[in-house]
């Protein structure tokens, strides 16, 4: 059964909205129940819920660069939309669609926070390895980016990605 391109895009949009809703819901819960409270251990010494208002990226890098992060998110979303639109509606690309939709949801979820609050609500902390405090949107972006790299390295062949039209040009062709 082959789905139409419009139906696939509609499913991507519905999934995107659901995923953004889940991210925003968890952040709302964090604000309501974790803000100004001590950390809540989930697994003693390993995982805890710990509220943080992050004005930067991981480890607080690029603090107070709201517009830079919003700009980067918009560029990434543009690239994702382009790839999703160009992707053939074949079964072998379903995983790519799902992963790109999750990354888009994560980018939008954190962008919503930056626009609304000037910071991103983070609340999940792997204490065992002192990993930066993160949120559901960060999980979408990080895990799916790793999965896409694996897909590109080990699953898709170069000809599977010809639909993107990012053709390499030699230096002589650019002159």
Protein backbone atom coordinates (compact mmCIF):
# COMPACT_ATOMS: atom_id res chain seq x y z
CA UNK A 1 0.00 0.00 0.00
CA UNK A 2 1.47 3.32 -1.08
CA UNK A 3 0.40 6.44 0.81
CA UNK A 4 0.06 9.75 -1.00
CA UNK A 5 2.60 12.48 -0.31
CA UNK A 6 -0.13 14.72 1.15
CA UNK A 7 -1.25 12.02 3.59
CA UNK A 8 2.34 11.38 4.70
CA UNK A 9 2.90 15.10 5.31
CA UNK A 10 -0.41 15.30 7.19
CA UNK A 11 0.70 12.38 9.40
CA UNK A 12 4.05 14.14 9.97
CA UNK A 13 2.22 17.30 11.05
CA UNK A 14 -0.13 15.41 13.38
CA UNK A 15 2.81 13.56 14.95
CA UNK A 16 4.69 16.86 15.25
CA UNK A 17 1.80 18.50 17.10
CA UNK A 18 1.43 15.52 19.44
CA UNK A 19 5.16 15.46 20.21
CA UNK A 20 5.31 19.21 20.83
CA UNK A 21 2.28 18.87 23.10
CA UNK A 22 4.01 16.12 25.10
CA UNK A 23 7.16 18.22 25.47
CA UNK A 24 5.23 21.32 26.56
CA UNK A 25 3.09 19.26 28.95
CA UNK A 26 6.15 17.81 30.69
CA UNK A 27 7.72 21.27 30.95
CA UNK A 28 4.49 22.65 32.42
CA UNK A 29 4.54 19.86 35.02
CA UNK A 30 8.17 20.72 35.81
CA UNK A 31 7.31 24.40 36.32
CA UNK A 32 4.32 23.54 38.53
CA UNK A 33 5.88 20.85 40.69
CA UNK A 34 9.67 21.25 40.55
CA UNK A 35 10.33 25.01 40.42
CA UNK A 36 11.76 26.29 43.71
CA UNK A 37 11.75 22.73 45.11
CA UNK A 38 14.63 20.42 45.98
CA UNK A 39 15.57 17.78 43.40
CA UNK A 40 13.34 14.70 43.31
CA UNK A 41 15.34 11.45 43.14
CA UNK A 42 13.92 8.88 40.71
CA UNK A 43 16.82 6.45 41.12
CA UNK A 44 19.05 7.45 44.04
CA UNK A 45 22.41 8.73 42.83
CA UNK A 46 21.58 8.09 39.17
CA UNK A 47 18.52 9.99 37.91
CA UNK A 48 16.59 12.88 39.39
CA UNK A 49 14.12 15.59 38.44
CA UNK A 50 15.80 18.93 38.99
CA UNK A 51 14.29 22.19 37.68
CA UNK A 52 16.54 24.51 35.69
CA UNK A 53 15.90 27.60 33.58
CA UNK A 54 18.52 27.25 30.85
CA UNK A 55 19.38 30.45 28.98
CA UNK A 56 22.04 28.69 26.92
CA UNK A 57 22.74 25.32 25.37
CA UNK A 58 24.19 22.21 27.04
CA UNK A 59 26.35 23.09 30.07
CA UNK A 60 25.00 26.67 29.79
CA UNK A 61 27.13 27.41 26.71
CA UNK A 62 26.22 30.50 24.66
CA UNK A 63 24.20 31.92 27.53
CA UNK A 64 21.64 34.63 26.68
CA UNK A 65 21.87 34.04 22.92
CA UNK A 66 18.09 33.66 22.47
CA UNK A 67 17.92 35.02 18.91
CA UNK A 68 20.87 32.93 17.79
CA UNK A 69 19.14 29.75 19.01
CA UNK A 70 15.85 30.79 17.41
CA UNK A 71 17.63 31.50 14.11
CA UNK A 72 19.40 28.11 14.19
CA UNK A 73 16.09 26.36 14.97
CA UNK A 74 14.39 28.08 12.03
CA UNK A 75 17.22 27.08 9.66
CA UNK A 76 17.07 23.47 10.89
CA UNK A 77 13.28 23.42 10.52
CA UNK A 78 13.59 24.76 6.96
CA UNK A 79 16.04 22.00 6.06
CA UNK A 80 13.82 19.36 7.68
CA UNK A 81 10.74 20.62 5.80
CA UNK A 82 12.66 20.55 2.52
CA UNK A 83 13.88 16.99 3.09
CA UNK A 84 10.45 15.75 4.23
CA UNK A 85 8.82 17.28 1.17
CA UNK A 86 11.40 15.81 -1.21
CA UNK A 87 11.47 12.36 0.40
CA UNK A 88 9.80 9.74 -1.80
CA UNK A 89 6.74 8.08 -0.30
CA UNK A 90 8.33 4.66 -0.10
CA UNK A 91 8.43 2.31 2.87
CA UNK A 92 12.22 2.57 3.27
CA UNK A 93 11.88 6.27 4.18
CA UNK A 94 9.33 5.91 6.99
CA UNK A 95 12.08 5.83 9.62
CA UNK A 96 13.66 8.97 8.15
CA UNK A 97 10.27 10.74 8.27
CA UNK A 98 9.73 9.73 11.89
CA UNK A 99 13.22 10.80 13.00
CA UNK A 100 13.06 14.16 11.21
CA UNK A 101 9.61 14.81 12.67
CA UNK A 102 10.94 14.12 16.17
CA UNK A 103 13.89 16.46 15.63
CA UNK A 104 11.53 19.17 14.36
CA UNK A 105 9.29 18.69 17.41
CA UNK A 106 12.28 19.07 19.71
CA UNK A 107 13.49 22.20 17.94
CA UNK A 108 10.02 23.75 18.05
CA UNK A 109 9.46 22.74 21.69
CA UNK A 110 12.63 24.48 22.84
CA UNK A 111 11.99 27.44 20.52
CA UNK A 112 8.55 27.92 22.13
CA UNK A 113 10.25 28.14 25.53
CA UNK A 114 12.83 30.64 24.30
CA UNK A 115 10.14 32.86 22.79
CA UNK A 116 7.80 32.63 25.81
CA UNK A 117 10.29 32.73 28.68
CA UNK A 118 13.72 33.71 27.28
CA UNK A 119 14.97 30.33 28.56
CA UNK A 120 14.32 26.62 28.14
CA UNK A 121 12.77 24.60 30.96
CA UNK A 122 15.04 21.64 31.76
CA UNK A 123 14.32 19.09 34.47
CA UNK A 124 15.86 15.65 33.81
CA UNK A 125 19.28 15.10 35.37
CA UNK A 126 21.56 12.05 35.10
CA UNK A 127 23.39 12.65 38.34
CA UNK A 128 25.57 9.52 37.99
CA UNK A 129 27.57 11.03 35.11
CA UNK A 130 26.88 14.71 35.85
CA UNK A 131 25.21 15.07 32.45
CA UNK A 132 23.64 18.49 31.70
CA UNK A 133 20.04 18.84 32.85
CA UNK A 134 17.76 18.35 29.85
CA UNK A 135 14.12 17.95 28.78
CA UNK A 136 11.92 15.85 26.50
CA UNK A 137 12.64 18.04 23.44
CA UNK A 138 16.36 17.51 23.98
CA UNK A 139 15.78 13.74 24.02
CA UNK A 140 13.97 13.98 20.68
CA UNK A 141 16.80 15.95 19.08
CA UNK A 142 19.76 14.05 20.53
CA UNK A 143 18.52 10.48 20.12
CA UNK A 144 17.08 11.05 16.65
CA UNK A 145 20.17 12.85 15.38
CA UNK A 146 22.27 9.86 16.46
CA UNK A 147 19.77 7.52 14.79
CA UNK A 148 19.91 9.54 11.53
CA UNK A 149 23.71 9.38 11.52
CA UNK A 150 23.46 5.59 11.91
CA UNK A 151 20.89 5.44 9.08
CA UNK A 152 23.10 7.49 6.80
CA UNK A 153 26.22 5.48 7.61
CA UNK A 154 24.84 1.95 7.66
CA UNK A 155 21.39 1.74 6.06
CA UNK A 156 20.90 4.17 3.20
CA UNK A 157 23.14 4.06 0.17
CA UNK A 158 24.17 7.20 -1.67
CA UNK A 159 21.59 6.62 -4.42
CA UNK A 160 18.83 6.35 -1.76
CA UNK A 161 19.45 10.01 -0.96
CA UNK A 162 19.62 11.40 -4.51
CA UNK A 163 16.15 12.92 -4.02
CA UNK A 164 17.62 15.61 -1.75
CA UNK A 165 19.56 17.18 -4.68
CA UNK A 166 22.49 18.34 -2.57
CA UNK A 167 24.86 17.74 -5.43
CA UNK A 168 28.55 18.15 -4.78
CA UNK A 169 30.34 20.44 -7.18
CA UNK A 170 34.03 20.55 -7.75
CA UNK A 171 35.94 23.80 -7.39
CA UNK A 172 36.28 24.05 -11.18
CA UNK A 173 32.48 23.84 -11.63
CA UNK A 174 32.00 26.75 -9.22
CA UNK A 175 34.20 29.11 -11.28
